N, C-alpha and C. Protein backbone atom coordinates (compact mmCIF):
# COMPACT_ATOMS: atom_id res chain seq x y z
N UNK A 1 41.56 99.18 102.66
CA UNK A 1 41.34 97.93 103.35
C UNK A 1 40.97 98.22 104.78
N UNK A 2 40.08 97.46 105.32
CA UNK A 2 39.66 97.61 106.69
C UNK A 2 40.85 97.40 107.60
N UNK A 3 41.12 98.33 108.51
CA UNK A 3 42.28 98.24 109.37
C UNK A 3 42.16 97.10 110.37
N UNK A 4 40.96 96.57 110.60
CA UNK A 4 40.80 95.44 111.51
C UNK A 4 41.11 94.11 110.86
N UNK A 5 41.23 94.10 109.55
CA UNK A 5 41.47 92.86 108.83
C UNK A 5 42.90 92.83 108.34
N UNK A 6 43.62 91.77 108.67
CA UNK A 6 44.98 91.61 108.17
C UNK A 6 44.98 90.40 107.24
N UNK A 7 45.46 90.62 106.05
CA UNK A 7 45.54 89.54 105.07
C UNK A 7 46.55 88.52 105.58
N UNK A 8 46.11 87.29 105.79
CA UNK A 8 47.06 86.28 106.30
C UNK A 8 48.11 85.94 105.26
N UNK A 9 49.27 85.52 105.74
CA UNK A 9 50.32 85.07 104.83
C UNK A 9 49.96 83.64 104.43
N UNK A 10 49.92 83.39 103.14
CA UNK A 10 49.62 82.03 102.68
C UNK A 10 50.29 81.78 101.34
N UNK A 11 50.46 80.54 101.04
CA UNK A 11 50.93 80.07 99.75
C UNK A 11 50.00 78.95 99.34
N UNK A 12 49.53 78.99 98.11
CA UNK A 12 48.65 77.92 97.64
C UNK A 12 49.42 76.60 97.64
N UNK A 13 48.75 75.49 97.89
CA UNK A 13 49.43 74.18 97.94
C UNK A 13 50.10 73.84 96.61
N UNK A 14 51.23 73.16 96.70
CA UNK A 14 52.01 72.78 95.51
C UNK A 14 51.19 71.99 94.48
N UNK A 15 50.31 71.06 94.90
CA UNK A 15 49.51 70.36 93.87
C UNK A 15 48.65 71.32 93.04
N UNK A 16 48.17 72.39 93.66
CA UNK A 16 47.38 73.38 92.93
C UNK A 16 48.24 74.09 91.90
N UNK A 17 49.47 74.40 92.27
CA UNK A 17 50.38 75.05 91.33
C UNK A 17 50.66 74.13 90.15
N UNK A 18 50.91 72.86 90.42
CA UNK A 18 51.18 71.92 89.32
C UNK A 18 49.95 71.77 88.43
N UNK A 19 48.77 71.72 89.02
CA UNK A 19 47.54 71.62 88.24
C UNK A 19 47.33 72.88 87.41
N UNK A 20 47.49 74.05 88.03
CA UNK A 20 47.30 75.32 87.33
C UNK A 20 48.21 75.47 86.14
N UNK A 21 49.43 74.95 86.25
CA UNK A 21 50.39 75.05 85.14
C UNK A 21 49.97 74.21 83.94
N UNK A 22 49.11 73.21 84.17
CA UNK A 22 48.66 72.34 83.07
C UNK A 22 47.29 72.72 82.53
N UNK A 23 46.63 73.66 83.16
CA UNK A 23 45.32 74.10 82.69
C UNK A 23 45.47 75.19 81.64
N UNK A 24 44.46 75.37 80.79
CA UNK A 24 44.51 76.47 79.82
C UNK A 24 44.64 77.82 80.54
N UNK A 25 45.52 78.64 80.04
CA UNK A 25 45.76 79.95 80.65
C UNK A 25 44.86 81.03 80.05
N UNK A 26 44.15 80.71 78.97
CA UNK A 26 43.32 81.71 78.31
C UNK A 26 42.17 82.21 79.18
N UNK A 27 41.39 81.36 79.86
CA UNK A 27 40.28 81.91 80.65
C UNK A 27 40.70 82.93 81.72
N UNK A 28 41.73 82.63 82.54
CA UNK A 28 42.10 83.67 83.52
C UNK A 28 42.71 84.90 82.85
N UNK A 29 43.38 84.71 81.72
CA UNK A 29 43.92 85.87 80.99
C UNK A 29 42.79 86.75 80.49
N UNK A 30 41.74 86.13 79.93
CA UNK A 30 40.59 86.90 79.44
C UNK A 30 39.90 87.64 80.58
N UNK A 31 39.81 87.01 81.75
CA UNK A 31 39.21 87.68 82.91
C UNK A 31 40.04 88.90 83.31
N UNK A 32 41.36 88.74 83.33
CA UNK A 32 42.24 89.87 83.68
C UNK A 32 42.09 91.01 82.69
N UNK A 33 42.16 90.71 81.39
CA UNK A 33 42.09 91.81 80.42
C UNK A 33 40.69 92.42 80.36
N UNK A 34 39.66 91.64 80.64
CA UNK A 34 38.31 92.22 80.70
C UNK A 34 38.25 93.25 81.83
N UNK A 35 38.80 92.90 82.97
CA UNK A 35 38.83 93.85 84.09
C UNK A 35 39.66 95.09 83.77
N UNK A 36 40.82 94.88 83.16
CA UNK A 36 41.66 96.02 82.78
C UNK A 36 40.96 96.92 81.78
N UNK A 37 40.32 96.31 80.78
CA UNK A 37 39.63 97.11 79.76
C UNK A 37 38.41 97.84 80.33
N UNK A 38 37.72 97.23 81.30
CA UNK A 38 36.61 97.93 81.96
C UNK A 38 37.11 99.15 82.73
N UNK A 39 38.29 99.02 83.32
CA UNK A 39 38.84 100.12 84.11
C UNK A 39 39.49 101.19 83.23
N UNK A 40 39.85 100.82 82.01
CA UNK A 40 40.54 101.73 81.09
C UNK A 40 39.65 102.94 80.77
N UNK A 41 40.17 104.11 81.01
CA UNK A 41 39.42 105.33 80.76
C UNK A 41 38.53 105.73 81.92
N UNK A 42 38.21 104.79 82.80
CA UNK A 42 37.39 105.12 83.98
C UNK A 42 38.30 105.33 85.19
N UNK A 43 39.01 104.26 85.55
CA UNK A 43 39.90 104.34 86.70
C UNK A 43 41.36 104.42 86.26
N UNK A 44 41.65 103.88 85.09
CA UNK A 44 43.01 103.91 84.54
C UNK A 44 43.01 104.90 83.38
N UNK A 45 43.67 106.04 83.55
CA UNK A 45 43.71 107.01 82.45
C UNK A 45 44.53 106.47 81.28
N UNK A 46 44.10 106.76 80.06
CA UNK A 46 44.77 106.25 78.86
C UNK A 46 46.09 106.97 78.57
N UNK A 47 46.16 108.27 78.85
CA UNK A 47 47.33 109.05 78.47
C UNK A 47 48.64 108.49 79.03
N UNK A 48 48.71 108.18 80.33
CA UNK A 48 49.99 107.66 80.84
C UNK A 48 50.35 106.29 80.27
N UNK A 49 49.40 105.61 79.65
CA UNK A 49 49.65 104.28 79.11
C UNK A 49 50.22 104.30 77.69
N UNK A 50 50.30 105.46 77.07
CA UNK A 50 50.78 105.53 75.69
C UNK A 50 52.13 104.85 75.49
N UNK A 51 53.09 104.97 76.43
CA UNK A 51 54.36 104.25 76.24
C UNK A 51 54.21 102.72 76.28
N UNK A 52 53.06 102.21 76.72
CA UNK A 52 52.83 100.77 76.77
C UNK A 52 52.35 100.21 75.43
N UNK A 53 51.98 101.08 74.49
CA UNK A 53 51.46 100.63 73.20
C UNK A 53 52.41 99.64 72.54
N UNK A 54 51.87 98.48 72.19
CA UNK A 54 52.66 97.45 71.53
C UNK A 54 53.50 96.60 72.47
N UNK A 55 53.46 96.90 73.75
CA UNK A 55 54.28 96.15 74.72
C UNK A 55 53.56 94.89 75.15
N UNK A 56 54.36 93.87 75.45
CA UNK A 56 53.86 92.56 75.82
C UNK A 56 54.18 92.31 77.29
N UNK A 57 53.21 91.72 78.00
CA UNK A 57 53.35 91.50 79.44
C UNK A 57 53.00 90.06 79.81
N UNK A 58 53.60 89.61 80.89
CA UNK A 58 53.22 88.35 81.52
C UNK A 58 53.06 88.63 83.00
N UNK A 59 51.89 88.26 83.53
CA UNK A 59 51.67 88.26 84.97
C UNK A 59 51.78 86.80 85.39
N UNK A 60 52.76 86.50 86.23
CA UNK A 60 52.98 85.12 86.67
C UNK A 60 52.58 85.01 88.14
N UNK A 61 51.54 84.22 88.39
CA UNK A 61 51.10 83.95 89.76
C UNK A 61 51.78 82.63 90.14
N UNK A 62 52.89 82.76 90.85
CA UNK A 62 53.80 81.62 91.02
C UNK A 62 53.18 80.44 91.75
N UNK A 63 52.40 80.69 92.78
CA UNK A 63 51.86 79.56 93.55
C UNK A 63 50.56 79.01 92.96
N UNK A 64 50.07 79.60 91.88
CA UNK A 64 48.87 79.09 91.21
C UNK A 64 49.20 78.46 89.86
N UNK A 65 50.47 78.55 89.45
CA UNK A 65 50.85 77.98 88.17
C UNK A 65 50.30 78.74 86.98
N UNK A 66 49.99 80.03 87.17
CA UNK A 66 49.39 80.83 86.10
C UNK A 66 50.42 81.74 85.45
N UNK A 67 50.36 81.85 84.14
CA UNK A 67 51.14 82.82 83.37
C UNK A 67 50.18 83.49 82.41
N UNK A 68 49.79 84.70 82.73
CA UNK A 68 48.78 85.43 81.97
C UNK A 68 49.51 86.36 80.99
N UNK A 69 49.37 86.07 79.70
CA UNK A 69 50.10 86.79 78.65
C UNK A 69 49.15 87.74 77.93
N UNK A 70 49.54 89.01 77.87
CA UNK A 70 48.69 90.00 77.20
C UNK A 70 49.54 91.15 76.70
N UNK A 71 48.93 91.97 75.87
CA UNK A 71 49.60 93.15 75.31
C UNK A 71 48.66 94.34 75.42
N UNK A 72 49.23 95.52 75.24
CA UNK A 72 48.43 96.74 75.24
C UNK A 72 48.52 97.35 73.85
N UNK A 73 47.35 97.60 73.26
CA UNK A 73 47.30 98.20 71.93
C UNK A 73 46.38 99.41 71.93
N UNK A 74 46.20 100.01 70.77
CA UNK A 74 45.39 101.22 70.65
C UNK A 74 43.94 101.00 71.05
N UNK A 75 43.47 99.74 71.00
CA UNK A 75 42.08 99.44 71.36
C UNK A 75 41.97 98.85 72.77
N UNK A 76 43.07 98.83 73.50
CA UNK A 76 43.05 98.31 74.87
C UNK A 76 43.92 97.08 75.03
N UNK A 77 43.64 96.34 76.08
CA UNK A 77 44.41 95.13 76.39
C UNK A 77 43.86 93.96 75.60
N UNK A 78 44.76 93.06 75.19
CA UNK A 78 44.34 91.88 74.42
C UNK A 78 45.25 90.71 74.80
N UNK A 79 44.72 89.49 74.70
CA UNK A 79 45.56 88.33 75.02
C UNK A 79 46.59 88.11 73.91
N UNK A 80 47.70 87.50 74.26
CA UNK A 80 48.67 87.09 73.24
C UNK A 80 48.84 85.57 73.36
N UNK A 81 48.98 84.95 72.21
CA UNK A 81 49.00 83.49 72.17
C UNK A 81 50.33 82.90 71.69
N UNK A 82 51.24 83.75 71.22
CA UNK A 82 52.51 83.20 70.74
C UNK A 82 53.51 83.14 71.89
N UNK A 83 54.66 82.59 71.61
CA UNK A 83 55.67 82.40 72.65
C UNK A 83 56.77 83.46 72.60
N UNK A 84 56.53 84.55 71.88
CA UNK A 84 57.54 85.61 71.82
C UNK A 84 57.78 86.16 73.23
N UNK A 85 59.01 86.54 73.53
CA UNK A 85 59.30 87.00 74.89
C UNK A 85 58.55 88.29 75.22
N UNK A 86 58.09 88.41 76.46
CA UNK A 86 57.40 89.64 76.87
C UNK A 86 58.40 90.77 77.11
N UNK A 87 57.89 91.99 77.09
CA UNK A 87 58.72 93.13 77.45
C UNK A 87 58.88 93.23 78.96
N UNK A 88 57.85 92.76 79.68
CA UNK A 88 57.89 92.82 81.14
C UNK A 88 57.14 91.64 81.72
N UNK A 89 57.78 90.98 82.69
CA UNK A 89 57.13 89.90 83.44
C UNK A 89 57.07 90.33 84.89
N UNK A 90 55.89 90.23 85.48
CA UNK A 90 55.70 90.55 86.89
C UNK A 90 55.29 89.26 87.58
N UNK A 91 56.04 88.84 88.58
CA UNK A 91 55.79 87.57 89.27
C UNK A 91 55.61 87.80 90.77
N UNK A 92 54.66 87.06 91.34
CA UNK A 92 54.44 87.08 92.79
C UNK A 92 53.50 85.94 93.14
N UNK A 93 53.39 85.66 94.43
CA UNK A 93 52.41 84.68 94.90
C UNK A 93 51.02 85.32 94.84
N UNK A 94 49.99 84.49 94.85
CA UNK A 94 48.62 84.99 94.81
C UNK A 94 48.35 85.92 95.98
N UNK A 95 48.85 85.60 97.17
CA UNK A 95 48.64 86.43 98.35
C UNK A 95 49.17 87.85 98.13
N UNK A 96 50.32 87.96 97.48
CA UNK A 96 50.92 89.27 97.27
C UNK A 96 50.18 90.08 96.20
N UNK A 97 49.65 89.40 95.17
CA UNK A 97 48.81 90.12 94.20
C UNK A 97 47.51 90.60 94.87
N UNK A 98 46.95 89.79 95.75
CA UNK A 98 45.75 90.21 96.49
C UNK A 98 46.09 91.42 97.36
N UNK A 99 47.24 91.39 98.02
CA UNK A 99 47.67 92.51 98.87
C UNK A 99 47.81 93.79 98.04
N UNK A 100 48.30 93.68 96.81
CA UNK A 100 48.40 94.85 95.92
C UNK A 100 47.02 95.38 95.55
N UNK A 101 46.13 94.46 95.15
CA UNK A 101 44.79 94.88 94.70
C UNK A 101 43.99 95.51 95.84
N UNK A 102 44.17 95.03 97.04
CA UNK A 102 43.40 95.55 98.17
C UNK A 102 44.12 96.70 98.87
N UNK A 103 45.31 97.04 98.36
CA UNK A 103 46.12 98.11 98.95
C UNK A 103 46.57 97.79 100.37
N UNK A 104 46.62 96.49 100.71
CA UNK A 104 47.12 96.08 102.01
C UNK A 104 48.63 96.30 102.08
N UNK A 105 49.29 96.24 100.92
CA UNK A 105 50.73 96.49 100.84
C UNK A 105 51.00 97.24 99.54
N UNK A 106 52.06 98.04 99.58
CA UNK A 106 52.38 98.81 98.37
C UNK A 106 53.43 98.05 97.55
N UNK A 107 53.52 98.35 96.26
CA UNK A 107 54.44 97.63 95.38
C UNK A 107 55.90 97.75 95.81
N UNK A 108 56.30 98.92 96.32
CA UNK A 108 57.70 99.09 96.73
C UNK A 108 58.08 98.14 97.85
N UNK A 109 57.19 97.99 98.84
CA UNK A 109 57.46 97.08 99.96
C UNK A 109 57.62 95.65 99.43
N UNK A 110 56.70 95.23 98.57
CA UNK A 110 56.78 93.88 98.02
C UNK A 110 58.01 93.70 97.14
N UNK A 111 58.36 94.73 96.37
CA UNK A 111 59.51 94.64 95.48
C UNK A 111 60.81 94.53 96.29
N UNK A 112 60.97 95.41 97.27
CA UNK A 112 62.22 95.43 98.02
C UNK A 112 62.35 94.24 98.98
N UNK A 113 61.24 93.59 99.30
CA UNK A 113 61.31 92.36 100.10
C UNK A 113 61.40 91.12 99.19
N UNK A 114 61.55 91.36 97.88
CA UNK A 114 61.70 90.31 96.86
C UNK A 114 60.50 89.38 96.77
N UNK A 115 59.34 89.91 97.10
CA UNK A 115 58.10 89.13 96.96
C UNK A 115 57.40 89.48 95.66
N UNK A 116 57.76 90.58 95.03
CA UNK A 116 57.25 90.99 93.74
C UNK A 116 58.46 91.15 92.84
N UNK A 117 58.51 90.36 91.78
CA UNK A 117 59.66 90.38 90.88
C UNK A 117 59.25 90.95 89.54
N UNK A 118 60.11 91.82 89.00
CA UNK A 118 59.90 92.36 87.66
C UNK A 118 61.12 92.01 86.83
N UNK A 119 60.86 91.41 85.68
CA UNK A 119 61.93 91.03 84.77
C UNK A 119 61.66 91.64 83.41
N UNK A 120 62.72 92.09 82.77
CA UNK A 120 62.58 92.68 81.45
C UNK A 120 62.90 94.15 81.49
N UNK A 121 62.13 94.94 80.79
CA UNK A 121 62.33 96.38 80.65
C UNK A 121 62.01 97.07 81.98
N UNK A 122 63.07 97.48 82.70
CA UNK A 122 62.86 98.06 84.04
C UNK A 122 62.16 99.42 83.96
N UNK A 123 62.43 100.20 82.91
CA UNK A 123 61.73 101.48 82.76
C UNK A 123 60.23 101.24 82.58
N UNK A 124 59.89 100.21 81.83
CA UNK A 124 58.49 99.84 81.64
C UNK A 124 57.87 99.40 82.96
N UNK A 125 58.62 98.63 83.74
CA UNK A 125 58.15 98.20 85.06
C UNK A 125 57.88 99.38 85.97
N UNK A 126 58.75 100.38 85.94
CA UNK A 126 58.56 101.58 86.76
C UNK A 126 57.34 102.36 86.31
N UNK A 127 57.13 102.46 85.00
CA UNK A 127 55.94 103.14 84.47
C UNK A 127 54.66 102.43 84.92
N UNK A 128 54.65 101.09 84.84
CA UNK A 128 53.48 100.32 85.27
C UNK A 128 53.23 100.55 86.75
N UNK A 129 54.28 100.46 87.57
CA UNK A 129 54.15 100.67 89.01
C UNK A 129 53.60 102.06 89.33
N UNK A 130 54.16 103.08 88.68
CA UNK A 130 53.69 104.45 88.95
C UNK A 130 52.25 104.66 88.49
N UNK A 131 51.88 104.03 87.37
CA UNK A 131 50.50 104.14 86.89
C UNK A 131 49.55 103.48 87.89
N UNK A 132 49.92 102.29 88.37
CA UNK A 132 49.08 101.60 89.36
C UNK A 132 48.98 102.40 90.65
N UNK A 133 50.09 103.01 91.07
CA UNK A 133 50.08 103.82 92.29
C UNK A 133 49.14 105.01 92.16
N UNK A 134 48.99 105.54 90.94
CA UNK A 134 48.16 106.71 90.73
C UNK A 134 46.67 106.43 90.61
N UNK A 135 46.30 105.16 90.54
CA UNK A 135 44.88 104.81 90.37
C UNK A 135 44.18 104.90 91.72
N UNK A 136 43.07 105.59 91.72
CA UNK A 136 42.25 105.69 92.93
C UNK A 136 41.23 104.57 92.91
N UNK A 137 41.50 103.53 93.64
CA UNK A 137 40.57 102.41 93.73
C UNK A 137 39.67 102.57 94.94
N UNK A 138 38.43 102.13 94.84
CA UNK A 138 37.59 102.14 96.03
C UNK A 138 38.20 101.18 97.05
N UNK A 139 38.04 101.50 98.30
CA UNK A 139 38.57 100.65 99.37
C UNK A 139 37.88 99.30 99.36
N UNK A 140 38.68 98.27 99.42
CA UNK A 140 38.18 96.90 99.46
C UNK A 140 38.15 96.46 100.92
N UNK A 141 36.99 96.04 101.39
CA UNK A 141 36.84 95.60 102.77
C UNK A 141 36.68 94.08 102.76
N UNK A 142 37.78 93.39 103.01
CA UNK A 142 37.77 91.92 102.95
C UNK A 142 36.86 91.31 104.02
N UNK A 143 36.57 92.05 105.08
CA UNK A 143 35.70 91.49 106.11
C UNK A 143 34.30 91.24 105.56
N UNK A 144 33.92 91.93 104.48
CA UNK A 144 32.60 91.73 103.87
C UNK A 144 32.49 90.33 103.26
N UNK A 145 33.61 89.66 103.02
CA UNK A 145 33.60 88.32 102.44
C UNK A 145 33.56 87.23 103.51
N UNK A 146 33.75 87.60 104.75
CA UNK A 146 33.75 86.60 105.82
C UNK A 146 32.33 86.06 105.98
N UNK A 147 32.19 84.76 106.23
CA UNK A 147 30.86 84.14 106.27
C UNK A 147 29.87 84.83 107.22
N UNK A 148 30.29 85.20 108.41
CA UNK A 148 29.37 85.83 109.36
C UNK A 148 28.85 87.16 108.82
N UNK A 149 29.72 87.92 108.19
CA UNK A 149 29.33 89.22 107.64
C UNK A 149 28.40 89.02 106.43
N UNK A 150 28.72 88.07 105.57
CA UNK A 150 27.87 87.79 104.40
C UNK A 150 26.47 87.35 104.85
N UNK A 151 26.39 86.51 105.87
CA UNK A 151 25.09 86.06 106.39
C UNK A 151 24.31 87.22 107.01
N UNK A 152 25.02 88.11 107.71
CA UNK A 152 24.35 89.27 108.31
C UNK A 152 23.73 90.15 107.23
N UNK A 153 24.47 90.40 106.14
CA UNK A 153 23.95 91.23 105.05
C UNK A 153 22.78 90.54 104.35
N UNK A 154 22.86 89.21 104.16
CA UNK A 154 21.77 88.46 103.56
C UNK A 154 20.52 88.55 104.42
N UNK A 155 20.70 88.40 105.73
CA UNK A 155 19.57 88.50 106.66
C UNK A 155 18.92 89.88 106.57
N UNK A 156 19.73 90.93 106.49
CA UNK A 156 19.19 92.30 106.36
C UNK A 156 18.37 92.44 105.08
N UNK A 157 18.88 91.90 103.99
CA UNK A 157 18.15 91.99 102.71
C UNK A 157 16.83 91.23 102.76
N UNK A 158 16.87 90.05 103.34
CA UNK A 158 15.65 89.25 103.43
C UNK A 158 14.62 89.91 104.36
N UNK A 159 15.10 90.51 105.42
CA UNK A 159 14.20 91.22 106.33
C UNK A 159 13.56 92.41 105.64
N UNK A 160 14.33 93.10 104.80
CA UNK A 160 13.82 94.26 104.08
C UNK A 160 12.75 93.85 103.06
N UNK A 161 12.81 92.62 102.56
CA UNK A 161 11.85 92.14 101.57
C UNK A 161 10.55 91.67 102.20
N UNK A 162 10.58 91.36 103.49
CA UNK A 162 9.42 90.80 104.18
C UNK A 162 8.32 91.88 104.30
N UNK A 163 7.08 91.55 103.88
CA UNK A 163 6.00 92.54 103.98
C UNK A 163 5.67 92.81 105.47
N UNK A 164 5.34 94.03 105.73
CA UNK A 164 5.04 94.44 107.11
C UNK A 164 3.59 94.30 107.42
């Protein structure tokens, strides 16, 4: 993450959480597992995931009203549609999941400050945490999403297309 950019502390508005809880959870679940499956074998090695085979997970984004239910099998991640209890539930606000993905904060800091909650099989939670810690992700520069920066890059591209 760009050291000049600090992820602001935020919580999504309560009406959004109530709305999210009533919307179908399948589309965001499919987006999550598509991303996980794309990373599987490329950025996420399969070998350390063998103990996850057959395990059921829920990612709960508390301020968005989302509960993303999925499992890991021999062919990768897949959605689950029944109400059987998960082996591991990981809960946090959207801001804290963004902080994890961008490496703005590490899981231990969020866990010990009680902003990241793990319920269920604690050994499984530790395995997931250690696997995530071992993944080498490209640095995410959130400043590239800021409007002024996006316009600057667009202007550069358009200038490059202009015939001389």
